[in-house]
Amino acid sequence: MKDVKLDPNEESTYECFDCGTVVVSATAPGSCPSCGADMRNRGTPLE
């Protein structure tokens, strides 16, 4: 398995844990713009 080089300027996809809103952003949005819940980076696996 190879490590992927992280590009800090590359946009990532974030998804709301509660309502499922999807946001594409270069920086973590922190909270959902629709409901205010926590967002997760969809590129990071859930374990």
PDB file of N, CA and C in Angstrom:
ATOM      1  N   MET A   1       0.847  -1.165   0.000  1.00  0.00           N
ATOM      2  CA  MET A   1       0.000   0.000   0.000  1.00  0.00           C
ATOM      3  C   MET A   1       0.903   1.241   0.000  1.00  0.00           C
ATOM      4  N   LYS A   2       0.578   2.218  -0.804  1.00  0.00           N
ATOM      5  CA  LYS A   2       1.360   3.439  -0.885  1.00  0.00           C
ATOM      6  C   LYS A   2       0.648   4.572  -0.166  1.00  0.00           C
ATOM      7  N   ASP A   3       1.441   5.442   0.454  1.00  0.00           N
ATOM      8  CA  ASP A   3       0.872   6.633   1.071  1.00  0.00           C
ATOM      9  C   ASP A   3       0.526   7.641  -0.018  1.00  0.00           C
ATOM     10  N   VAL A   4      -0.595   8.296   0.138  1.00  0.00           N
ATOM     11  CA  VAL A   4      -1.012   9.326  -0.799  1.00  0.00           C
ATOM     12  C   VAL A   4      -0.455  10.651  -0.318  1.00  0.00           C
ATOM     13  N   LYS A   5       0.172  11.394  -1.230  1.00  0.00           N
ATOM     14  CA  LYS A   5       0.710  12.700  -0.845  1.00  0.00           C
ATOM     15  C   LYS A   5      -0.439  13.679  -0.659  1.00  0.00           C
ATOM     16  N   LEU A   6      -0.426  14.352   0.474  1.00  0.00           N
ATOM     17  CA  LEU A   6      -1.479  15.303   0.809  1.00  0.00           C
ATOM     18  C   LEU A   6      -1.180  16.656   0.177  1.00  0.00           C
ATOM     19  N   ASP A   7      -2.129  17.167  -0.575  1.00  0.00           N
ATOM     20  CA  ASP A   7      -2.025  18.503  -1.162  1.00  0.00           C
ATOM     21  C   ASP A   7      -2.964  19.407  -0.371  1.00  0.00           C
ATOM     22  N   PRO A   8      -2.437  20.324   0.457  1.00  0.00           N
ATOM     23  CA  PRO A   8      -3.301  21.155   1.305  1.00  0.00           C
ATOM     24  C   PRO A   8      -4.227  22.079   0.521  1.00  0.00           C
ATOM     25  N   ASN A   9      -3.937  22.317  -0.757  1.00  0.00           N
ATOM     26  CA  ASN A   9      -4.796  23.187  -1.568  1.00  0.00           C
ATOM     27  C   ASN A   9      -5.889  22.418  -2.299  1.00  0.00           C
ATOM     28  N   GLU A  10      -5.851  21.101  -2.230  1.00  0.00           N
ATOM     29  CA  GLU A  10      -6.845  20.275  -2.915  1.00  0.00           C
ATOM     30  C   GLU A  10      -8.157  20.262  -2.129  1.00  0.00           C
ATOM     31  N   GLU A  11      -9.254  20.362  -2.844  1.00  0.00           N
ATOM     32  CA  GLU A  11     -10.557  20.350  -2.185  1.00  0.00           C
ATOM     33  C   GLU A  11     -10.935  18.928  -1.777  1.00  0.00           C
ATOM     34  N   SER A  12     -11.614  18.806  -0.654  1.00  0.00           N
ATOM     35  CA  SER A  12     -12.107  17.532  -0.151  1.00  0.00           C
ATOM     36  C   SER A  12     -13.617  17.599  -0.018  1.00  0.00           C
ATOM     37  N   THR A  13     -14.227  16.433   0.043  1.00  0.00           N
ATOM     38  CA  THR A  13     -15.673  16.352   0.204  1.00  0.00           C
ATOM     39  C   THR A  13     -15.984  16.031   1.655  1.00  0.00           C
ATOM     40  N   TYR A  14     -16.867  16.822   2.253  1.00  0.00           N
ATOM     41  CA  TYR A  14     -17.282  16.646   3.640  1.00  0.00           C
ATOM     42  C   TYR A  14     -18.770  16.341   3.673  1.00  0.00           C
ATOM     43  N   GLU A  15     -19.186  15.474   4.616  1.00  0.00           N
ATOM     44  CA  GLU A  15     -20.586  15.067   4.732  1.00  0.00           C
ATOM     45  C   GLU A  15     -21.062  15.240   6.168  1.00  0.00           C
ATOM     46  N   CYS A  16     -22.276  15.720   6.323  1.00  0.00           N
ATOM     47  CA  CYS A  16     -22.872  15.910   7.642  1.00  0.00           C
ATOM     48  C   CYS A  16     -23.274  14.567   8.236  1.00  0.00           C
ATOM     49  N   PHE A  17     -22.953  14.354   9.525  1.00  0.00           N
ATOM     50  CA  PHE A  17     -23.326  13.118  10.217  1.00  0.00           C
ATOM     51  C   PHE A  17     -24.843  13.009  10.388  1.00  0.00           C
ATOM     52  N   ASP A  18     -25.546  14.143  10.543  1.00  0.00           N
ATOM     53  CA  ASP A  18     -26.985  14.108  10.831  1.00  0.00           C
ATOM     54  C   ASP A  18     -27.870  14.149   9.596  1.00  0.00           C
ATOM     55  N   CYS A  19     -27.716  15.178   8.761  1.00  0.00           N
ATOM     56  CA  CYS A  19     -28.662  15.349   7.649  1.00  0.00           C
ATOM     57  C   CYS A  19     -28.124  14.901   6.294  1.00  0.00           C
ATOM     58  N   GLY A  20     -26.794  14.605   6.198  1.00  0.00           N
ATOM     59  CA  GLY A  20     -26.233  14.098   4.952  1.00  0.00           C
ATOM     60  C   GLY A  20     -25.839  15.161   3.939  1.00  0.00           C
ATOM     61  N   THR A  21     -25.904  16.442   4.313  1.00  0.00           N
ATOM     62  CA  THR A  21     -25.492  17.513   3.412  1.00  0.00           C
ATOM     63  C   THR A  21     -24.035  17.310   3.019  1.00  0.00           C
ATOM     64  N   VAL A  22     -23.721  17.491   1.740  1.00  0.00           N
ATOM     65  CA  VAL A  22     -22.358  17.321   1.238  1.00  0.00           C
ATOM     66  C   VAL A  22     -21.800  18.685   0.851  1.00  0.00           C
ATOM     67  N   VAL A  23     -20.567  18.967   1.307  1.00  0.00           N
ATOM     68  CA  VAL A  23     -19.896  20.233   1.026  1.00  0.00           C
ATOM     69  C   VAL A  23     -18.516  19.910   0.454  1.00  0.00           C
ATOM     70  N   VAL A  24     -18.115  20.599  -0.619  1.00  0.00           N
ATOM     71  CA  VAL A  24     -16.764  20.467  -1.171  1.00  0.00           C
ATOM     72  C   VAL A  24     -16.008  21.732  -0.799  1.00  0.00           C
ATOM     73  N   SER A  25     -14.869  21.545  -0.097  1.00  0.00           N
ATOM     74  CA  SER A  25     -14.124  22.697   0.417  1.00  0.00           C
ATOM     75  C   SER A  25     -12.654  22.351   0.557  1.00  0.00           C
ATOM     76  N   ALA A  26     -11.797  23.364   0.471  1.00  0.00           N
ATOM     77  CA  ALA A  26     -10.366  23.166   0.677  1.00  0.00           C
ATOM     78  C   ALA A  26     -10.034  23.122   2.168  1.00  0.00           C
ATOM     79  N   THR A  27     -10.924  23.653   3.008  1.00  0.00           N
ATOM     80  CA  THR A  27     -10.725  23.622   4.456  1.00  0.00           C
ATOM     81  C   THR A  27     -11.932  22.963   5.120  1.00  0.00           C
ATOM     82  N   ALA A  28     -11.710  22.344   6.263  1.00  0.00           N
ATOM     83  CA  ALA A  28     -12.791  21.676   6.976  1.00  0.00           C
ATOM     84  C   ALA A  28     -13.852  22.692   7.395  1.00  0.00           C
ATOM     85  N   PRO A  29     -15.118  22.446   7.040  1.00  0.00           N
ATOM     86  CA  PRO A  29     -16.174  23.407   7.359  1.00  0.00           C
ATOM     87  C   PRO A  29     -16.530  23.467   8.846  1.00  0.00           C
ATOM     88  N   GLY A  30     -16.153  22.463   9.622  1.00  0.00           N
ATOM     89  CA  GLY A  30     -16.442  22.477  11.053  1.00  0.00           C
ATOM     90  C   GLY A  30     -17.840  22.005  11.365  1.00  0.00           C
ATOM     91  N   SER A  31     -18.852  22.806  11.033  1.00  0.00           N
ATOM     92  CA  SER A  31     -20.229  22.396  11.275  1.00  0.00           C
ATOM     93  C   SER A  31     -21.044  22.519   9.995  1.00  0.00           C
ATOM     94  N   CYS A  32     -22.113  21.771   9.922  1.00  0.00           N
ATOM     95  CA  CYS A  32     -22.970  21.724   8.746  1.00  0.00           C
ATOM     96  C   CYS A  32     -23.668  23.068   8.524  1.00  0.00           C
ATOM     97  N   PRO A  33     -23.636  23.585   7.289  1.00  0.00           N
ATOM     98  CA  PRO A  33     -24.312  24.850   7.014  1.00  0.00           C
ATOM     99  C   PRO A  33     -25.839  24.726   7.054  1.00  0.00           C
ATOM    100  N   SER A  34     -26.356  23.493   6.942  1.00  0.00           N
ATOM    101  CA  SER A  34     -27.806  23.288   6.949  1.00  0.00           C
ATOM    102  C   SER A  34     -28.375  23.096   8.348  1.00  0.00           C
ATOM    103  N   CYS A  35     -27.698  22.248   9.171  1.00  0.00           N
ATOM    104  CA  CYS A  35     -28.290  21.923  10.473  1.00  0.00           C
ATOM    105  C   CYS A  35     -27.361  22.189  11.654  1.00  0.00           C
ATOM    106  N   GLY A  36     -26.074  22.497  11.406  1.00  0.00           N
ATOM    107  CA  GLY A  36     -25.146  22.813  12.488  1.00  0.00           C
ATOM    108  C   GLY A  36     -24.454  21.615  13.118  1.00  0.00           C
ATOM    109  N   ALA A  37     -24.717  20.395  12.630  1.00  0.00           N
ATOM    110  CA  ALA A  37     -24.095  19.191  13.191  1.00  0.00           C
ATOM    111  C   ALA A  37     -22.655  19.056  12.702  1.00  0.00           C
ATOM    112  N   ASP A  38     -21.923  18.085  13.268  1.00  0.00           N
ATOM    113  CA  ASP A  38     -20.536  17.831  12.871  1.00  0.00           C
ATOM    114  C   ASP A  38     -20.467  17.280  11.452  1.00  0.00           C
ATOM    115  N   MET A  39     -19.367  17.639  10.763  1.00  0.00           N
ATOM    116  CA  MET A  39     -19.127  17.147   9.408  1.00  0.00           C
ATOM    117  C   MET A  39     -17.926  16.207   9.449  1.00  0.00           C
ATOM    118  N   ARG A  40     -17.850  15.287   8.479  1.00  0.00           N
ATOM    119  CA  ARG A  40     -16.707  14.395   8.377  1.00  0.00           C
ATOM    120  C   ARG A  40     -16.145  14.453   6.973  1.00  0.00           C
ATOM    121  N   ASN A  41     -14.847  14.224   6.849  1.00  0.00           N
ATOM    122  CA  ASN A  41     -14.205  14.156   5.550  1.00  0.00           C
ATOM    123  C   ASN A  41     -14.528  12.792   4.958  1.00  0.00           C
ATOM    124  N   ARG A  42     -15.171  12.764   3.806  1.00  0.00           N
ATOM    125  CA  ARG A  42     -15.567  11.501   3.191  1.00  0.00           C
ATOM    126  C   ARG A  42     -14.373  10.704   2.699  1.00  0.00           C
ATOM    127  N   GLY A  43     -13.197  11.327   2.583  1.00  0.00           N
ATOM    128  CA  GLY A  43     -11.990  10.623   2.161  1.00  0.00           C
ATOM    129  C   GLY A  43     -11.328   9.866   3.288  1.00  0.00           C
ATOM    130  N   THR A  44     -11.781  10.071   4.513  1.00  0.00           N
ATOM    131  CA  THR A  44     -11.222   9.385   5.680  1.00  0.00           C
ATOM    132  C   THR A  44     -12.154   8.238   6.052  1.00  0.00           C
ATOM    133  N   PRO A  45     -11.638   6.997   6.071  1.00  0.00           N
ATOM    134  CA  PRO A  45     -12.507   5.859   6.384  1.00  0.00           C
ATOM    135  C   PRO A  45     -12.996   5.874   7.830  1.00  0.00           C
ATOM    136  N   LEU A  46     -14.225   5.434   8.039  1.00  0.00           N
ATOM    137  CA  LEU A  46     -14.776   5.279   9.376  1.00  0.00           C
ATOM    138  C   LEU A  46     -14.419   3.895   9.888  1.00  0.00           C
ATOM    139  N   GLU A  47     -13.967   3.812  11.109  1.00  0.00           N
ATOM    140  CA  GLU A  47     -13.619   2.512  11.680  1.00  0.00           C
ATOM    141  C   GLU A  47     -14.372   2.270  12.948  1.00  0.00           C
TER     142      GLU A  47
END
